[in-house]
Amino acid sequence: MPMRIHHDLAAVIHASATEVWALAGNFGNMSWHPTVTGCTIVDGAAQTPGAIREIHLQDGSRILERLVELDHQGRSFTYSFVGTPPIPVSASRTSVTVTALPAGPHARTRVAWHGEFEVADDAARATVEHVNCQIVGPSTVDALASTLGVEYSFDVPSQGNTKGNATS
């Protein structure tokens, strides 16, 4: 019987929410991510729910994702896999939210991912957990911060890899 699991990852990026959203919120452009060699809208209109993007990775693989919801004012979007997913899930839904943090000496923004997945068994659960929490999430935070030339930290120290621009 399939299991429903969820993963949360959050980081604080030392840049304004406007700057972070300009990158993360553009569903049809992932040129800022070093493992992405191409990202194009293959169905629907860019920045419109229902749009499907095709992401090409350095290893030659491709991922299809459908934009389910987009809220520019609330700086959030939700997407799901289309076709054969790159991880062992039968269903997925991931939301990304970009939130400005209270004013301080420097701009800071919280970026949060919430993923819900349906997996077949414990082995699939472990694979999805590893890929999301140890590879995809941390590399995406690092790519956003590196593109903006700023530092970041994870909200939950036990999640993710804090190499690169990470601070403790």
C-alpha atoms as a PDB file:
ATOM      1  CA  MET A   1       0.000   0.000   0.000  1.00  0.00           C
ATOM      2  CA  PRO A   2       1.477   3.410  -0.950  1.00  0.00           C
ATOM      3  CA  MET A   3       2.716   5.723   1.806  1.00  0.00           C
ATOM      4  CA  ARG A   4       2.245   9.488   1.858  1.00  0.00           C
ATOM      5  CA  ILE A   5       5.325  11.326   3.066  1.00  0.00           C
ATOM      6  CA  HIS A   6       6.345  14.951   3.251  1.00  0.00           C
ATOM      7  CA  HIS A   7       9.604  16.852   3.477  1.00  0.00           C
ATOM      8  CA  ASP A   8      10.256  20.406   4.550  1.00  0.00           C
ATOM      9  CA  LEU A   9      13.403  22.396   3.973  1.00  0.00           C
ATOM     10  CA  ALA A  10      13.929  26.058   4.767  1.00  0.00           C
ATOM     11  CA  ALA A  11      16.851  28.409   4.466  1.00  0.00           C
ATOM     12  CA  VAL A  12      17.575  32.053   5.132  1.00  0.00           C
ATOM     13  CA  ILE A  13      19.237  33.793   2.195  1.00  0.00           C
ATOM     14  CA  HIS A  14      20.927  37.137   2.875  1.00  0.00           C
ATOM     15  CA  ALA A  15      19.191  39.022   0.049  1.00  0.00           C
ATOM     16  CA  SER A  16      15.876  40.787  -0.418  1.00  0.00           C
ATOM     17  CA  ALA A  17      12.715  38.774  -1.083  1.00  0.00           C
ATOM     18  CA  THR A  18      12.368  40.675  -4.365  1.00  0.00           C
ATOM     19  CA  GLU A  19      15.807  39.490  -5.514  1.00  0.00           C
ATOM     20  CA  VAL A  20      15.222  35.879  -4.442  1.00  0.00           C
ATOM     21  CA  TRP A  21      11.721  35.762  -5.986  1.00  0.00           C
ATOM     22  CA  ALA A  22      13.045  37.155  -9.281  1.00  0.00           C
ATOM     23  CA  LEU A  23      15.083  33.948  -9.593  1.00  0.00           C
ATOM     24  CA  ALA A  24      13.080  31.286  -7.767  1.00  0.00           C
ATOM     25  CA  GLY A  25       9.664  32.502  -8.913  1.00  0.00           C
ATOM     26  CA  ASN A  26      10.405  32.355 -12.637  1.00  0.00           C
ATOM     27  CA  PHE A  27       9.039  28.899 -13.447  1.00  0.00           C
ATOM     28  CA  GLY A  28      10.413  28.893 -16.985  1.00  0.00           C
ATOM     29  CA  ASN A  29      14.000  29.867 -16.152  1.00  0.00           C
ATOM     30  CA  MET A  30      16.460  27.895 -14.062  1.00  0.00           C
ATOM     31  CA  SER A  31      19.623  29.178 -15.730  1.00  0.00           C
ATOM     32  CA  TRP A  32      20.865  30.198 -12.272  1.00  0.00           C
ATOM     33  CA  HIS A  33      21.143  26.537 -11.190  1.00  0.00           C
ATOM     34  CA  PRO A  34      24.531  25.015 -12.108  1.00  0.00           C
ATOM     35  CA  THR A  35      23.195  21.462 -12.672  1.00  0.00           C
ATOM     36  CA  VAL A  36      20.509  22.703 -15.076  1.00  0.00           C
ATOM     37  CA  THR A  37      21.656  22.961 -18.694  1.00  0.00           C
ATOM     38  CA  GLY A  38      18.283  24.030 -20.038  1.00  0.00           C
ATOM     39  CA  CYS A  39      14.763  24.864 -18.939  1.00  0.00           C
ATOM     40  CA  THR A  40      11.947  25.577 -21.366  1.00  0.00           C
ATOM     41  CA  ILE A  41       8.179  25.781 -21.232  1.00  0.00           C
ATOM     42  CA  VAL A  42       6.964  22.913 -23.442  1.00  0.00           C
ATOM     43  CA  ASP A  43       3.228  23.300 -22.890  1.00  0.00           C
ATOM     44  CA  GLY A  44       1.064  26.245 -21.874  1.00  0.00           C
ATOM     45  CA  ALA A  45       2.100  29.814 -21.204  1.00  0.00           C
ATOM     46  CA  ALA A  46       5.020  30.676 -18.948  1.00  0.00           C
ATOM     47  CA  GLN A  47       4.064  31.847 -15.458  1.00  0.00           C
ATOM     48  CA  THR A  48       0.543  30.443 -15.891  1.00  0.00           C
ATOM     49  CA  PRO A  49      -0.828  27.504 -13.886  1.00  0.00           C
ATOM     50  CA  GLY A  50      -0.928  24.442 -16.122  1.00  0.00           C
ATOM     51  CA  ALA A  51       2.375  25.318 -17.836  1.00  0.00           C
ATOM     52  CA  ILE A  52       4.830  22.426 -18.142  1.00  0.00           C
ATOM     53  CA  ARG A  53       8.566  23.022 -17.988  1.00  0.00           C
ATOM     54  CA  GLU A  54      11.221  20.627 -19.200  1.00  0.00           C
ATOM     55  CA  ILE A  55      14.427  20.760 -17.192  1.00  0.00           C
ATOM     56  CA  HIS A  56      17.605  19.302 -18.709  1.00  0.00           C
ATOM     57  CA  LEU A  57      20.326  18.327 -16.245  1.00  0.00           C
ATOM     58  CA  GLN A  58      24.089  17.998 -16.675  1.00  0.00           C
ATOM     59  CA  ASP A  59      23.856  14.207 -16.481  1.00  0.00           C
ATOM     60  CA  GLY A  60      21.633  14.191 -19.591  1.00  0.00           C
ATOM     61  CA  SER A  61      18.411  13.444 -17.753  1.00  0.00           C
ATOM     62  CA  ARG A  62      15.269  15.516 -18.087  1.00  0.00           C
ATOM     63  CA  ILE A  63      12.444  16.321 -15.705  1.00  0.00           C
ATOM     64  CA  LEU A  64       8.953  17.482 -16.595  1.00  0.00           C
ATOM     65  CA  GLU A  65       7.090  19.605 -14.037  1.00  0.00           C
ATOM     66  CA  ARG A  66       3.651  21.224 -14.146  1.00  0.00           C
ATOM     67  CA  LEU A  67       3.008  24.591 -12.517  1.00  0.00           C
ATOM     68  CA  VAL A  68      -0.042  23.952 -10.327  1.00  0.00           C
ATOM     69  CA  GLU A  69      -0.375  27.298  -8.527  1.00  0.00           C
ATOM     70  CA  LEU A  70       1.393  30.646  -8.744  1.00  0.00           C
ATOM     71  CA  ASP A  71       0.948  33.616  -6.405  1.00  0.00           C
ATOM     72  CA  HIS A  72       3.292  36.489  -7.285  1.00  0.00           C
ATOM     73  CA  GLN A  73       1.972  38.722  -4.508  1.00  0.00           C
ATOM     74  CA  GLY A  74       2.414  35.977  -1.907  1.00  0.00           C
ATOM     75  CA  ARG A  75       5.681  34.894  -3.574  1.00  0.00           C
ATOM     76  CA  SER A  76       4.791  31.215  -3.768  1.00  0.00           C
ATOM     77  CA  PHE A  77       4.272  28.510  -6.344  1.00  0.00           C
ATOM     78  CA  THR A  78       3.406  24.829  -6.403  1.00  0.00           C
ATOM     79  CA  TYR A  79       4.458  22.250  -8.960  1.00  0.00           C
ATOM     80  CA  SER A  80       4.212  18.511  -9.554  1.00  0.00           C
ATOM     81  CA  PHE A  81       6.008  15.960 -11.704  1.00  0.00           C
ATOM     82  CA  VAL A  82       4.603  15.043 -15.106  1.00  0.00           C
ATOM     83  CA  GLY A  83       5.239  11.682 -16.753  1.00  0.00           C
ATOM     84  CA  THR A  84       7.970   9.507 -15.267  1.00  0.00           C
ATOM     85  CA  PRO A  85       9.384  11.262 -12.197  1.00  0.00           C
ATOM     86  CA  PRO A  86      13.149  11.297 -11.507  1.00  0.00           C
ATOM     87  CA  ILE A  87      12.561   9.811  -8.045  1.00  0.00           C
ATOM     88  CA  PRO A  88      10.485   6.758  -7.043  1.00  0.00           C
ATOM     89  CA  VAL A  89       7.145   8.457  -6.392  1.00  0.00           C
ATOM     90  CA  SER A  90       3.690   7.845  -7.809  1.00  0.00           C
ATOM     91  CA  ALA A  91       2.457  11.342  -6.912  1.00  0.00           C
ATOM     92  CA  SER A  92       4.126  14.598  -5.907  1.00  0.00           C
ATOM     93  CA  ARG A  93       3.319  18.172  -5.003  1.00  0.00           C
ATOM     94  CA  THR A  94       5.970  20.688  -3.965  1.00  0.00           C
ATOM     95  CA  SER A  95       5.393  24.259  -2.813  1.00  0.00           C
ATOM     96  CA  VAL A  96       8.041  26.975  -2.650  1.00  0.00           C
ATOM     97  CA  THR A  97       7.460  30.113  -0.593  1.00  0.00           C
ATOM     98  CA  VAL A  98       9.723  33.190  -0.436  1.00  0.00           C
ATOM     99  CA  THR A  99       9.173  35.406   2.630  1.00  0.00           C
ATOM    100  CA  ALA A 100      10.897  38.654   3.581  1.00  0.00           C
ATOM    101  CA  LEU A 101      12.178  38.546   7.159  1.00  0.00           C
ATOM    102  CA  PRO A 102      11.867  41.479   9.567  1.00  0.00           C
ATOM    103  CA  ALA A 103      14.180  44.372   8.826  1.00  0.00           C
ATOM    104  CA  GLY A 104      17.643  44.192  10.307  1.00  0.00           C
ATOM    105  CA  PRO A 105      21.031  45.492   9.294  1.00  0.00           C
ATOM    106  CA  HIS A 106      20.818  43.484   6.034  1.00  0.00           C
ATOM    107  CA  ALA A 107      18.016  42.076   3.902  1.00  0.00           C
ATOM    108  CA  ARG A 108      17.160  38.468   4.701  1.00  0.00           C
ATOM    109  CA  THR A 109      14.661  36.150   3.094  1.00  0.00           C
ATOM    110  CA  ARG A 110      13.304  32.770   4.130  1.00  0.00           C
ATOM    111  CA  VAL A 111      12.847  30.273   1.317  1.00  0.00           C
ATOM    112  CA  ALA A 112      10.774  27.242   2.268  1.00  0.00           C
ATOM    113  CA  TRP A 113      10.017  24.057   0.358  1.00  0.00           C
ATOM    114  CA  HIS A 114       7.209  21.714   1.346  1.00  0.00           C
ATOM    115  CA  GLY A 115       6.992  18.494  -0.644  1.00  0.00           C
ATOM    116  CA  GLU A 116       4.290  15.852  -0.447  1.00  0.00           C
ATOM    117  CA  PHE A 117       4.953  12.513  -2.105  1.00  0.00           C
ATOM    118  CA  GLU A 118       3.391   9.104  -2.488  1.00  0.00           C
ATOM    119  CA  VAL A 119       5.909   6.239  -2.348  1.00  0.00           C
ATOM    120  CA  ALA A 120       5.559   2.470  -2.598  1.00  0.00           C
ATOM    121  CA  ASP A 121       7.738   1.360   0.310  1.00  0.00           C
ATOM    122  CA  ASP A 122      10.451   2.214   2.835  1.00  0.00           C
ATOM    123  CA  ALA A 123      13.222   1.940   0.241  1.00  0.00           C
ATOM    124  CA  ALA A 124      11.506   4.508  -1.974  1.00  0.00           C
ATOM    125  CA  ARG A 125      10.884   6.723   1.066  1.00  0.00           C
ATOM    126  CA  ALA A 126      14.587   6.631   1.936  1.00  0.00           C
ATOM    127  CA  THR A 127      15.598   7.473  -1.639  1.00  0.00           C
ATOM    128  CA  VAL A 128      13.174  10.402  -1.874  1.00  0.00           C
ATOM    129  CA  GLU A 129      14.283  11.675   1.525  1.00  0.00           C
ATOM    130  CA  HIS A 130      17.956  11.502   0.541  1.00  0.00           C
ATOM    131  CA  VAL A 131      17.488  13.157  -2.854  1.00  0.00           C
ATOM    132  CA  ASN A 132      15.298  15.987  -1.534  1.00  0.00           C
ATOM    133  CA  CYS A 133      16.991  16.732   1.782  1.00  0.00           C
ATOM    134  CA  GLN A 134      20.621  16.027   0.926  1.00  0.00           C
ATOM    135  CA  ILE A 135      20.939  16.853  -2.781  1.00  0.00           C
ATOM    136  CA  VAL A 136      18.188  18.874  -4.490  1.00  0.00           C
ATOM    137  CA  GLY A 137      17.178  21.193  -1.646  1.00  0.00           C
ATOM    138  CA  PRO A 138      20.681  22.135  -0.520  1.00  0.00           C
ATOM    139  CA  SER A 139      22.019  22.527  -4.072  1.00  0.00           C
ATOM    140  CA  THR A 140      19.097  24.795  -4.959  1.00  0.00           C
ATOM    141  CA  VAL A 141      19.656  27.016  -1.913  1.00  0.00           C
ATOM    142  CA  ASP A 142      23.370  27.160  -2.697  1.00  0.00           C
ATOM    143  CA  ALA A 143      22.651  28.041  -6.346  1.00  0.00           C
ATOM    144  CA  LEU A 144      20.240  30.841  -5.415  1.00  0.00           C
ATOM    145  CA  ALA A 145      22.688  32.335  -2.898  1.00  0.00           C
ATOM    146  CA  SER A 146      25.702  31.925  -5.208  1.00  0.00           C
ATOM    147  CA  THR A 147      23.883  33.633  -8.088  1.00  0.00           C
ATOM    148  CA  LEU A 148      23.011  36.533  -5.783  1.00  0.00           C
ATOM    149  CA  GLY A 149      26.536  36.583  -4.311  1.00  0.00           C
ATOM    150  CA  VAL A 150      25.285  36.237  -0.741  1.00  0.00           C
ATOM    151  CA  GLU A 151      25.467  33.868   2.210  1.00  0.00           C
ATOM    152  CA  TYR A 152      22.739  31.597   3.565  1.00  0.00           C
ATOM    153  CA  SER A 153      21.964  29.285   6.447  1.00  0.00           C
ATOM    154  CA  PHE A 154      19.496  26.449   6.869  1.00  0.00           C
ATOM    155  CA  ASP A 155      16.636  26.932   9.314  1.00  0.00           C
ATOM    156  CA  VAL A 156      17.026  23.340  10.496  1.00  0.00           C
ATOM    157  CA  PRO A 157      20.748  22.521  10.864  1.00  0.00           C
ATOM    158  CA  SER A 158      20.200  18.776  10.537  1.00  0.00           C
ATOM    159  CA  GLN A 159      18.737  19.176   7.048  1.00  0.00           C
ATOM    160  CA  GLY A 160      20.849  19.732   4.029  1.00  0.00           C
ATOM    161  CA  ASN A 161      24.494  20.121   3.324  1.00  0.00           C
ATOM    162  CA  THR A 162      25.986  23.396   4.482  1.00  0.00           C
ATOM    163  CA  LYS A 163      29.053  23.561   2.304  1.00  0.00           C
ATOM    164  CA  GLY A 164      29.818  26.357  -0.104  1.00  0.00           C
ATOM    165  CA  ASN A 165      28.340  29.726   0.850  1.00  0.00           C
ATOM    166  CA  ALA A 166      26.656  28.367   3.961  1.00  0.00           C
ATOM    167  CA  THR A 167      27.165  29.995   7.301  1.00  0.00           C
ATOM    168  CA  SER A 168      26.498  28.580  10.725  1.00  0.00           C
END
